[in-house]
Amino acid sequence: MTSISTPASWLAGYIPDIPTPFDEHGTVDLASFSMLCERQIAAGVSAIVVSETSGEASTLTTAEQEAIIRAAVKVARGRVRVVAGAGSNSTSKAIDLAQRAEAAGADAVLSVVPYYNKPTQAGIQAHFRAIAISTALPIILHDVPSRTMRELSDDTLLRLANSRHFIGLKDASGDIARLCRLRQLLPPGFRLLSGDDATALPFIANGGDGCISMVSNVVPDLCQAVFSNCRLARPQTARYLHDRLLPLTACLTKESPAAMKYALFLLGFMSPATRLPIVELSDDAKAEVASAIADIGDEDIACPVEHWYGSRLHEDALTSP
């Protein structure tokens, strides 16, 4: 478990928002989940996010969320940090989730702006401060206005960032200008990460620290290459690699998280099963995902030797119309 007094230097690069696999009975498949975590660790990530947006957290029971966090901590074994989704539009529930994440061994929590009930900025600030005093874990704020219908304003963010409890922001607004406004105003150790794969490269190139990513679940090595080339001041190579990701990113974003689960199914890592109200992809959408993966090429997608279905790769699905 990471202390709030520890500098968040680990909060950088492409950090995957890992999906939650379900088996044929709709039960959380911890074996496949552990494989997904291990694959990301092998790719060199500094942290993994679990039980969050891509993990269909809104459909998980509290016991399932705890089991997922514990499984991630067990796989990580201190090699990477485990960030647990612990957001809710109920402050008391968000506090409970944060405390349970702490008890399960998480290193930090990712807490989203309260959704649906449209609190004022004063309410948002009070919500996050109440969570902060309830746990010893550092908190990463999550601003995703397209889902919450309320933004985390610059002023509110700056007030929160001055507290040592808050170590970073997942900014899914897609507004690069906001990054440029905030970078010089925030405390030096406060981390800014994109929550939007499509604009991750310009975000990082303009001073961002990384991306909490969906597409990196599918192509972790390629995403790490984008980040490292950007940091090594190789903008043309970084742009070329990022552009290769864009068709896949578009597919995954359009039908999240079902499209990501289907992509990982094609690669042999998990079942494509989702929980209602999320349903599996249409045949046309499946073909689009398969085409995007095939266009990237096998050399940039590390496939398992074998998986729980008993084959290496669903080549029929990749080549079907």
Protein backbone atom coordinates (compact mmCIF):
# COMPACT_ATOMS: atom_id res chain seq x y z
CA MET A 1 0.00 0.00 0.00
CA THR A 2 1.35 3.40 -0.99
CA SER A 3 1.40 6.20 1.59
CA ILE A 4 -0.09 9.58 0.69
CA SER A 5 3.26 11.09 1.65
CA THR A 6 5.07 9.10 -1.03
CA PRO A 7 5.81 11.07 -4.25
CA ALA A 8 3.71 9.70 -7.12
CA SER A 9 6.61 9.28 -9.55
CA TRP A 10 5.13 5.89 -10.50
CA LEU A 11 2.00 7.53 -11.89
CA ALA A 12 3.25 7.91 -15.45
CA GLY A 13 3.20 6.33 -18.90
CA TYR A 14 0.38 4.22 -20.28
CA ILE A 15 -1.57 2.69 -17.39
CA PRO A 16 -4.24 0.15 -18.42
CA ASP A 17 -7.81 0.31 -17.17
CA ILE A 18 -8.22 -3.46 -17.02
CA PRO A 19 -11.54 -5.12 -17.92
CA THR A 20 -13.32 -7.63 -15.71
CA PRO A 21 -13.65 -11.05 -17.42
CA PHE A 22 -16.77 -13.12 -16.83
CA ASP A 23 -17.11 -16.85 -17.40
CA GLU A 24 -19.98 -18.67 -19.12
CA HIS A 25 -22.04 -18.46 -15.91
CA GLY A 26 -21.55 -14.70 -15.55
CA THR A 27 -19.14 -15.11 -12.64
CA VAL A 28 -15.97 -13.02 -12.40
CA ASP A 29 -13.15 -15.04 -13.98
CA LEU A 30 -10.19 -14.29 -11.72
CA ALA A 31 -7.86 -16.63 -13.62
CA SER A 32 -8.29 -14.67 -16.85
CA PHE A 33 -8.15 -11.41 -14.92
CA SER A 34 -4.82 -12.42 -13.40
CA MET A 35 -3.49 -13.23 -16.87
CA LEU A 36 -4.46 -9.74 -18.09
CA CYS A 37 -2.65 -8.16 -15.14
CA GLU A 38 0.48 -10.27 -15.66
CA ARG A 39 0.59 -9.38 -19.36
CA GLN A 40 0.60 -5.67 -18.51
CA ILE A 41 3.32 -6.10 -15.91
CA ALA A 42 5.45 -7.95 -18.49
CA ALA A 43 4.98 -4.98 -20.84
CA GLY A 44 6.57 -2.69 -18.27
CA VAL A 45 3.67 -0.64 -16.94
CA SER A 46 4.12 1.21 -13.67
CA ALA A 47 0.56 0.64 -12.46
CA ILE A 48 -2.74 -1.05 -13.28
CA VAL A 49 -6.26 0.26 -12.74
CA VAL A 50 -8.90 -2.28 -11.74
CA SER A 51 -12.63 -2.23 -11.01
CA GLU A 52 -13.15 1.02 -12.89
CA THR A 53 -14.86 2.10 -16.13
CA SER A 54 -13.44 -0.65 -18.34
CA GLY A 55 -13.94 -3.09 -15.49
CA GLU A 56 -17.72 -2.54 -15.52
CA ALA A 57 -17.54 -1.50 -11.89
CA SER A 58 -21.14 -0.28 -11.86
CA THR A 59 -22.34 -3.88 -12.35
CA LEU A 60 -20.02 -5.49 -9.80
CA THR A 61 -21.02 -6.31 -6.25
CA THR A 62 -18.91 -4.98 -3.40
CA ALA A 63 -17.61 -8.50 -2.74
CA GLU A 64 -16.62 -8.89 -6.39
CA GLN A 65 -14.77 -5.58 -6.37
CA GLU A 66 -12.84 -6.60 -3.27
CA ALA A 67 -11.96 -9.96 -4.83
CA ILE A 68 -10.72 -8.25 -7.99
CA ILE A 69 -8.54 -5.82 -6.04
CA ARG A 70 -7.08 -8.62 -3.92
CA ALA A 71 -6.36 -10.66 -7.04
CA ALA A 72 -4.57 -7.71 -8.65
CA VAL A 73 -2.50 -7.11 -5.51
CA LYS A 74 -1.57 -10.81 -5.40
CA VAL A 75 -0.44 -10.77 -9.05
CA ALA A 76 1.42 -7.47 -8.69
CA ARG A 77 3.49 -8.59 -5.68
CA GLY A 78 4.82 -5.07 -5.34
CA ARG A 79 6.14 -4.96 -8.91
CA VAL A 80 3.57 -2.35 -9.95
CA ARG A 81 1.05 -0.19 -8.12
CA VAL A 82 -2.60 -1.24 -8.02
CA VAL A 83 -5.12 1.58 -8.41
CA ALA A 84 -8.67 0.63 -7.44
CA GLY A 85 -11.75 2.28 -8.83
CA ALA A 86 -13.73 3.59 -5.87
CA GLY A 87 -16.13 6.12 -7.31
CA SER A 88 -19.81 6.69 -6.64
CA ASN A 89 -22.37 9.49 -6.77
CA SER A 90 -23.06 8.67 -3.11
CA THR A 91 -20.35 10.05 -0.86
CA SER A 92 -20.94 7.42 1.81
CA LYS A 93 -20.64 4.63 -0.75
CA ALA A 94 -17.47 6.17 -2.23
CA ILE A 95 -15.99 6.27 1.27
CA ASP A 96 -16.91 2.63 1.85
CA LEU A 97 -15.36 1.59 -1.46
CA ALA A 98 -12.15 3.51 -0.71
CA GLN A 99 -11.86 1.90 2.72
CA ARG A 100 -12.48 -1.56 1.28
CA ALA A 101 -9.84 -0.92 -1.41
CA GLU A 102 -7.37 0.04 1.32
CA ALA A 103 -8.16 -3.12 3.29
CA ALA A 104 -7.69 -5.21 0.11
CA GLY A 105 -4.16 -3.84 -0.36
CA ALA A 106 -4.59 -1.25 -3.11
CA ASP A 107 -1.94 1.45 -3.51
CA ALA A 108 -4.32 4.24 -4.52
CA VAL A 109 -7.93 4.85 -5.48
CA LEU A 110 -9.38 6.47 -8.58
CA SER A 111 -12.46 8.48 -7.66
CA VAL A 112 -14.80 9.96 -10.25
CA VAL A 113 -16.78 13.20 -10.12
CA PRO A 114 -20.25 12.31 -8.77
CA TYR A 115 -22.54 11.53 -11.69
CA TYR A 116 -26.27 11.83 -12.36
CA ASN A 117 -27.19 14.00 -9.36
CA LYS A 118 -25.31 17.06 -10.72
CA PRO A 119 -23.69 18.51 -7.59
CA THR A 120 -22.32 22.05 -7.50
CA GLN A 121 -18.57 22.62 -7.45
CA ALA A 122 -18.82 23.15 -3.70
CA GLY A 123 -20.54 19.77 -3.43
CA ILE A 124 -17.89 18.09 -5.59
CA GLN A 125 -15.12 19.54 -3.44
CA ALA A 126 -16.85 18.45 -0.22
CA HIS A 127 -17.40 14.96 -1.67
CA PHE A 128 -13.72 14.45 -2.42
CA ARG A 129 -12.54 15.95 0.86
CA ALA A 130 -14.82 13.58 2.79
CA ILE A 131 -13.27 10.63 0.95
CA ALA A 132 -9.76 11.95 1.59
CA ILE A 133 -10.15 12.04 5.36
CA SER A 134 -11.62 8.53 5.39
CA THR A 135 -8.61 6.67 3.99
CA ALA A 136 -4.83 6.65 4.12
CA LEU A 137 -4.65 5.89 0.40
CA PRO A 138 -3.70 8.61 -2.11
CA ILE A 139 -6.53 9.65 -4.43
CA ILE A 140 -6.46 10.14 -8.19
CA LEU A 141 -9.33 12.34 -9.33
CA HIS A 142 -11.32 11.31 -12.40
CA ASP A 143 -12.95 13.99 -14.55
CA VAL A 144 -15.11 12.61 -17.38
CA PRO A 145 -17.80 15.20 -18.17
CA SER A 146 -19.35 13.11 -20.97
CA ARG A 147 -20.41 10.54 -18.36
CA THR A 148 -20.96 12.65 -15.23
CA MET A 149 -22.64 15.74 -16.76
CA ARG A 150 -20.60 17.82 -14.34
CA GLU A 151 -17.00 18.85 -14.87
CA LEU A 152 -14.31 19.21 -12.24
CA SER A 153 -13.61 22.92 -12.68
CA ASP A 154 -10.06 24.27 -12.79
CA ASP A 155 -10.63 26.18 -9.54
CA THR A 156 -11.96 23.11 -7.72
CA LEU A 157 -9.07 20.98 -8.99
CA LEU A 158 -6.49 23.53 -7.86
CA ARG A 159 -8.01 23.66 -4.37
CA LEU A 160 -7.98 19.89 -4.05
CA ALA A 161 -4.49 19.50 -5.52
CA ASN A 162 -3.04 21.58 -2.71
CA SER A 163 -3.90 18.74 -0.33
CA ARG A 164 -1.38 15.91 -0.09
CA HIS A 165 -4.24 13.39 -0.30
CA PHE A 166 -4.74 14.07 -4.02
CA ILE A 167 -1.88 12.99 -6.25
CA GLY A 168 -3.20 13.21 -9.79
CA LEU A 169 -6.00 13.68 -12.29
CA LYS A 170 -7.36 11.39 -14.98
CA ASP A 171 -8.60 13.99 -17.45
CA ALA A 172 -11.05 12.46 -19.93
CA SER A 173 -12.27 15.81 -21.25
CA GLY A 174 -10.03 15.63 -24.34
CA ASP A 175 -9.22 19.33 -23.83
CA ILE A 176 -5.48 19.74 -24.41
CA ALA A 177 -5.72 23.49 -23.75
CA ARG A 178 -6.78 22.67 -20.19
CA LEU A 179 -3.54 20.80 -19.61
CA CYS A 180 -1.55 23.81 -20.78
CA ARG A 181 -3.54 26.09 -18.46
CA LEU A 182 -3.10 23.89 -15.41
CA ARG A 183 0.43 22.55 -15.68
CA GLN A 184 2.13 25.65 -14.25
CA LEU A 185 -0.51 26.19 -11.55
CA LEU A 186 -0.48 22.75 -9.96
CA PRO A 187 1.97 21.54 -7.30
CA PRO A 188 5.13 20.03 -8.89
CA GLY A 189 4.37 16.46 -7.84
CA PHE A 190 0.74 16.44 -8.99
CA ARG A 191 0.29 14.12 -11.98
CA LEU A 192 -1.84 14.82 -15.03
CA LEU A 193 -2.93 11.82 -17.08
CA SER A 194 -5.15 11.66 -20.13
CA GLY A 195 -8.24 9.53 -19.95
CA ASP A 196 -8.76 9.76 -23.70
CA ASP A 197 -6.68 7.44 -25.91
CA ALA A 198 -7.40 9.42 -29.07
CA THR A 199 -5.69 12.56 -27.74
CA ALA A 200 -3.13 10.86 -25.49
CA LEU A 201 -0.11 11.73 -27.63
CA PRO A 202 -0.70 15.50 -27.81
CA PHE A 203 -1.57 15.42 -24.11
CA ILE A 204 1.76 13.80 -23.23
CA ALA A 205 3.70 15.91 -25.73
CA ASN A 206 2.36 19.07 -24.08
CA GLY A 207 3.50 18.12 -20.60
CA GLY A 208 1.12 15.39 -19.51
CA ASP A 209 2.48 12.51 -17.48
CA GLY A 210 0.75 9.66 -19.28
CA CYS A 211 -2.60 8.06 -20.05
CA ILE A 212 -4.98 5.80 -18.15
CA SER A 213 -5.79 3.81 -21.21
CA MET A 214 -8.26 1.39 -22.73
CA VAL A 215 -6.34 0.55 -25.91
CA SER A 216 -3.22 -0.43 -23.97
CA ASN A 217 -5.13 -3.51 -22.80
CA VAL A 218 -4.93 -4.78 -26.38
CA VAL A 219 -1.52 -3.48 -27.48
CA PRO A 220 0.50 -2.70 -24.34
CA ASP A 221 3.92 -2.84 -25.99
CA LEU A 222 2.91 -0.46 -28.76
CA CYS A 223 1.49 2.00 -26.24
CA GLN A 224 4.67 1.86 -24.16
CA ALA A 225 6.63 2.57 -27.36
CA VAL A 226 4.50 5.66 -28.03
CA PHE A 227 5.25 7.01 -24.56
CA SER A 228 8.97 6.21 -24.57
CA ASN A 229 9.51 7.79 -28.01
CA CYS A 230 7.65 10.88 -26.88
CA ARG A 231 9.84 11.15 -23.78
CA LEU A 232 12.99 10.56 -25.86
CA ALA A 233 12.07 13.53 -28.07
CA ARG A 234 11.32 11.40 -31.12
CA PRO A 235 8.05 13.06 -32.12
CA GLN A 236 7.84 11.60 -35.62
CA THR A 237 8.22 8.01 -34.40
CA ALA A 238 5.77 8.62 -31.55
CA ARG A 239 3.26 10.13 -33.99
CA TYR A 240 3.65 7.27 -36.45
CA LEU A 241 3.03 4.68 -33.74
CA HIS A 242 0.12 6.63 -32.27
CA ASP A 243 -1.49 6.97 -35.69
CA ARG A 244 -1.31 3.19 -36.10
CA LEU A 245 -3.42 2.89 -32.97
CA LEU A 246 -6.16 5.29 -34.04
CA PRO A 247 -8.43 2.86 -36.00
CA LEU A 248 -8.37 0.41 -33.08
CA THR A 249 -8.89 3.25 -30.60
CA ALA A 250 -11.93 4.42 -32.55
CA CYS A 251 -13.43 0.90 -32.50
CA LEU A 252 -12.87 0.44 -28.79
CA THR A 253 -14.20 3.87 -27.88
CA LYS A 254 -17.38 3.45 -29.90
CA GLU A 255 -18.58 0.38 -27.97
CA SER A 256 -16.73 0.41 -24.66
CA PRO A 257 -16.05 -1.97 -22.97
CA ALA A 258 -17.66 -4.63 -25.18
CA ALA A 259 -15.30 -3.91 -28.09
CA MET A 260 -12.22 -4.16 -25.89
CA LYS A 261 -13.43 -7.45 -24.47
CA TYR A 262 -14.01 -8.79 -27.96
CA ALA A 263 -10.52 -7.68 -29.04
CA LEU A 264 -8.99 -9.52 -26.09
CA PHE A 265 -11.16 -12.54 -26.91
CA LEU A 266 -9.68 -12.58 -30.42
CA LEU A 267 -6.23 -12.61 -28.86
CA GLY A 268 -7.19 -15.47 -26.56
CA PHE A 269 -7.15 -13.74 -23.20
CA MET A 270 -10.75 -13.78 -22.08
CA SER A 271 -14.41 -14.37 -22.89
CA PRO A 272 -16.19 -11.44 -24.59
CA ALA A 273 -19.06 -11.72 -22.08
CA THR A 274 -20.42 -8.52 -20.57
CA ARG A 275 -23.08 -7.72 -17.99
CA LEU A 276 -26.34 -5.97 -18.72
CA PRO A 277 -26.98 -3.27 -19.68
CA ILE A 278 -23.78 -3.78 -21.74
CA VAL A 279 -24.27 -6.40 -24.44
CA GLU A 280 -21.86 -8.10 -26.84
CA LEU A 281 -21.04 -6.51 -30.19
CA SER A 282 -23.03 -6.84 -33.38
CA ASP A 283 -21.45 -8.86 -36.20
CA ASP A 284 -20.52 -5.66 -38.08
CA ALA A 285 -18.82 -4.22 -35.02
CA LYS A 286 -16.96 -7.48 -34.45
CA ALA A 287 -15.66 -7.40 -38.01
CA GLU A 288 -14.49 -3.80 -37.51
CA VAL A 289 -12.54 -4.72 -34.38
CA ALA A 290 -11.01 -7.76 -36.07
CA SER A 291 -9.92 -5.65 -39.05
CA ALA A 292 -8.34 -3.01 -36.80
CA ILE A 293 -6.35 -5.67 -34.95
CA ALA A 294 -5.24 -7.33 -38.19
CA ASP A 295 -4.06 -3.97 -39.57
CA ILE A 296 -1.74 -3.47 -36.60
CA GLY A 297 -0.06 -6.81 -37.23
CA ASP A 298 1.03 -9.75 -35.12
CA GLU A 299 4.51 -8.34 -34.55
CA ASP A 300 3.06 -5.56 -32.37
CA ILE A 301 0.56 -7.70 -30.48
CA ALA A 302 1.98 -10.21 -28.03
CA CYS A 303 -0.28 -13.28 -28.12
CA PRO A 304 -0.31 -16.05 -25.51
CA VAL A 305 1.03 -19.47 -26.41
CA GLU A 306 -2.23 -20.99 -25.25
CA HIS A 307 -5.28 -19.88 -23.36
CA TRP A 308 -8.28 -21.20 -21.57
CA TYR A 309 -10.18 -21.83 -24.82
CA GLY A 310 -7.37 -24.16 -25.94
CA SER A 311 -6.08 -22.29 -29.02
CA ARG A 312 -3.58 -19.52 -29.68
CA LEU A 313 -5.63 -17.10 -31.74
CA HIS A 314 -9.09 -16.99 -33.22
CA GLU A 315 -7.83 -16.60 -36.79
CA ASP A 316 -11.23 -17.34 -38.26
CA ALA A 317 -12.65 -14.30 -36.50
CA LEU A 318 -9.77 -12.09 -37.58
CA THR A 319 -10.28 -12.99 -41.23
CA SER A 320 -14.08 -13.15 -41.31
CA PRO A 321 -15.93 -10.43 -43.23
